[in-house]
Amino acid sequence: MERFWMVYVEDKASPRHKHTAFELAKAEAERLAIVEGERAYVLEAVGYARPTTVWESLTCTKEE
């Protein structure tokens, strides 16, 4: 997994853009803090969860 950072502004929508360098995320946080008049946090991804696939049949069939 490649490292990335996202910027979260308090009381605003969830972050959507992945920054590939901390410096880019920091600059964006500074810009958004001024524009939005709110704190802007730089968040670093520390891991991830993968979904598992489980097959569940909606019909009951009996093989004969």
N, C-alpha and C. Protein backbone atom coordinates (compact mmCIF):
# COMPACT_ATOMS: atom_id res chain seq x y z
N MET A 1 0.85 -1.18 0.00
CA MET A 1 0.00 0.00 0.00
C MET A 1 0.89 1.24 0.00
N GLU A 2 0.61 2.15 -0.88
CA GLU A 2 1.34 3.40 -0.95
C GLU A 2 0.84 4.35 0.14
N ARG A 3 1.73 5.09 0.75
CA ARG A 3 1.33 6.07 1.77
C ARG A 3 0.57 7.21 1.11
N PHE A 4 -0.44 7.71 1.82
CA PHE A 4 -1.15 8.90 1.34
C PHE A 4 -1.75 9.65 2.52
N TRP A 5 -2.11 10.90 2.25
CA TRP A 5 -2.68 11.78 3.26
C TRP A 5 -3.95 12.41 2.70
N MET A 6 -4.87 12.73 3.60
CA MET A 6 -6.11 13.41 3.21
C MET A 6 -6.33 14.57 4.18
N VAL A 7 -7.11 15.55 3.75
CA VAL A 7 -7.38 16.73 4.58
C VAL A 7 -8.84 16.71 4.98
N TYR A 8 -9.07 16.85 6.28
CA TYR A 8 -10.42 16.89 6.85
C TYR A 8 -10.66 18.26 7.48
N VAL A 9 -11.75 18.91 7.08
CA VAL A 9 -12.13 20.19 7.67
C VAL A 9 -13.31 19.94 8.60
N GLU A 10 -13.19 20.43 9.84
CA GLU A 10 -14.25 20.22 10.83
C GLU A 10 -15.60 20.68 10.30
N ASP A 11 -16.62 19.86 10.56
CA ASP A 11 -18.01 20.15 10.19
C ASP A 11 -18.24 20.29 8.69
N LYS A 12 -17.40 19.69 7.87
CA LYS A 12 -17.56 19.70 6.41
C LYS A 12 -17.64 18.27 5.91
N ALA A 13 -17.80 18.12 4.62
CA ALA A 13 -17.91 16.79 4.01
C ALA A 13 -16.63 15.96 4.23
N SER A 14 -16.76 14.67 4.09
CA SER A 14 -15.62 13.76 4.23
C SER A 14 -14.56 14.06 3.17
N PRO A 15 -13.29 13.82 3.50
CA PRO A 15 -12.23 14.03 2.50
C PRO A 15 -12.38 13.07 1.33
N ARG A 16 -12.01 13.54 0.14
CA ARG A 16 -12.14 12.71 -1.06
C ARG A 16 -10.86 12.62 -1.87
N HIS A 17 -9.92 13.52 -1.65
CA HIS A 17 -8.70 13.54 -2.45
C HIS A 17 -7.53 12.94 -1.69
N LYS A 18 -6.82 12.03 -2.34
CA LYS A 18 -5.61 11.44 -1.75
C LYS A 18 -4.40 12.26 -2.20
N HIS A 19 -3.61 12.72 -1.23
CA HIS A 19 -2.37 13.44 -1.53
C HIS A 19 -1.23 12.44 -1.41
N THR A 20 -0.34 12.45 -2.39
CA THR A 20 0.76 11.49 -2.41
C THR A 20 1.97 11.96 -1.62
N ALA A 21 1.93 13.19 -1.13
CA ALA A 21 3.03 13.71 -0.31
C ALA A 21 2.45 14.52 0.84
N PHE A 22 3.08 14.43 2.00
CA PHE A 22 2.62 15.17 3.17
C PHE A 22 2.61 16.67 2.90
N GLU A 23 3.65 17.16 2.23
CA GLU A 23 3.76 18.60 1.96
C GLU A 23 2.57 19.12 1.16
N LEU A 24 2.08 18.31 0.22
CA LEU A 24 0.91 18.71 -0.57
C LEU A 24 -0.35 18.77 0.30
N ALA A 25 -0.51 17.79 1.17
CA ALA A 25 -1.66 17.77 2.07
C ALA A 25 -1.60 18.94 3.05
N LYS A 26 -0.41 19.23 3.54
CA LYS A 26 -0.25 20.34 4.48
C LYS A 26 -0.61 21.67 3.82
N ALA A 27 -0.15 21.88 2.60
CA ALA A 27 -0.47 23.11 1.87
C ALA A 27 -1.97 23.23 1.64
N GLU A 28 -2.61 22.12 1.32
CA GLU A 28 -4.07 22.13 1.11
C GLU A 28 -4.80 22.40 2.41
N ALA A 29 -4.31 21.85 3.52
CA ALA A 29 -4.93 22.11 4.83
C ALA A 29 -4.83 23.59 5.19
N GLU A 30 -3.68 24.18 4.94
CA GLU A 30 -3.51 25.61 5.21
C GLU A 30 -4.46 26.45 4.36
N ARG A 31 -4.58 26.09 3.08
CA ARG A 31 -5.48 26.82 2.18
C ARG A 31 -6.92 26.69 2.63
N LEU A 32 -7.35 25.47 2.94
CA LEU A 32 -8.74 25.24 3.34
C LEU A 32 -9.07 25.89 4.68
N ALA A 33 -8.12 25.93 5.60
CA ALA A 33 -8.36 26.57 6.89
C ALA A 33 -8.69 28.05 6.70
N ILE A 34 -7.99 28.68 5.79
CA ILE A 34 -8.25 30.09 5.50
C ILE A 34 -9.59 30.26 4.79
N VAL A 35 -9.83 29.48 3.75
CA VAL A 35 -11.05 29.60 2.95
C VAL A 35 -12.29 29.26 3.78
N GLU A 36 -12.23 28.18 4.55
CA GLU A 36 -13.40 27.70 5.29
C GLU A 36 -13.54 28.35 6.67
N GLY A 37 -12.47 28.93 7.18
CA GLY A 37 -12.52 29.53 8.51
C GLY A 37 -12.67 28.50 9.63
N GLU A 38 -12.19 27.30 9.37
CA GLU A 38 -12.26 26.18 10.33
C GLU A 38 -10.91 25.48 10.38
N ARG A 39 -10.72 24.66 11.42
CA ARG A 39 -9.52 23.84 11.49
C ARG A 39 -9.52 22.82 10.35
N ALA A 40 -8.35 22.60 9.78
CA ALA A 40 -8.19 21.58 8.74
C ALA A 40 -7.10 20.62 9.20
N TYR A 41 -7.44 19.35 9.26
CA TYR A 41 -6.53 18.32 9.76
C TYR A 41 -5.94 17.53 8.60
N VAL A 42 -4.67 17.21 8.73
CA VAL A 42 -4.01 16.31 7.77
C VAL A 42 -4.07 14.92 8.39
N LEU A 43 -4.70 13.98 7.67
CA LEU A 43 -4.86 12.61 8.13
C LEU A 43 -3.96 11.70 7.31
N GLU A 44 -3.27 10.79 7.99
CA GLU A 44 -2.43 9.82 7.28
C GLU A 44 -3.06 8.44 7.37
N ALA A 45 -3.10 7.76 6.25
CA ALA A 45 -3.60 6.38 6.24
C ALA A 45 -2.59 5.50 6.96
N VAL A 46 -3.08 4.69 7.90
CA VAL A 46 -2.19 3.80 8.64
C VAL A 46 -2.47 2.32 8.37
N GLY A 47 -3.48 2.05 7.59
CA GLY A 47 -3.84 0.67 7.26
C GLY A 47 -5.17 0.66 6.55
N TYR A 48 -5.65 -0.54 6.24
CA TYR A 48 -6.93 -0.66 5.56
C TYR A 48 -7.57 -2.01 5.86
N ALA A 49 -8.86 -2.06 5.63
CA ALA A 49 -9.60 -3.31 5.79
C ALA A 49 -10.08 -3.74 4.41
N ARG A 50 -10.00 -5.02 4.15
CA ARG A 50 -10.50 -5.56 2.88
C ARG A 50 -11.80 -6.30 3.13
N PRO A 51 -12.77 -6.11 2.25
CA PRO A 51 -14.01 -6.86 2.43
C PRO A 51 -13.80 -8.33 2.04
N THR A 52 -14.55 -9.18 2.67
CA THR A 52 -14.51 -10.59 2.30
C THR A 52 -15.80 -10.91 1.55
N THR A 53 -15.70 -11.81 0.63
CA THR A 53 -16.85 -12.18 -0.17
C THR A 53 -17.42 -13.50 0.36
N VAL A 54 -18.69 -13.46 0.68
CA VAL A 54 -19.38 -14.65 1.15
C VAL A 54 -20.61 -14.84 0.27
N TRP A 55 -20.75 -16.03 -0.29
CA TRP A 55 -21.90 -16.32 -1.14
C TRP A 55 -23.05 -16.80 -0.29
N GLU A 56 -24.21 -16.16 -0.46
CA GLU A 56 -25.42 -16.59 0.23
C GLU A 56 -26.50 -16.77 -0.82
N SER A 57 -27.06 -17.96 -0.88
CA SER A 57 -28.09 -18.25 -1.85
C SER A 57 -29.44 -17.72 -1.36
N LEU A 58 -30.20 -17.13 -2.25
CA LEU A 58 -31.53 -16.63 -1.90
C LEU A 58 -32.60 -17.68 -2.10
N THR A 59 -32.27 -18.76 -2.80
CA THR A 59 -33.22 -19.85 -3.02
C THR A 59 -32.63 -21.14 -2.49
N CYS A 60 -33.48 -21.99 -2.03
CA CYS A 60 -33.03 -23.27 -1.53
C CYS A 60 -33.24 -24.30 -2.64
N THR A 61 -32.15 -24.82 -3.15
CA THR A 61 -32.28 -25.87 -4.18
C THR A 61 -31.65 -27.13 -3.65
N LYS A 62 -32.26 -28.24 -4.01
CA LYS A 62 -31.76 -29.53 -3.57
C LYS A 62 -31.31 -30.31 -4.79
N GLU A 63 -30.05 -30.70 -4.77
CA GLU A 63 -29.55 -31.50 -5.87
C GLU A 63 -29.92 -32.95 -5.65
N GLU A 64 -30.36 -33.58 -6.70
CA GLU A 64 -30.75 -34.97 -6.58
C GLU A 64 -29.86 -35.87 -7.37
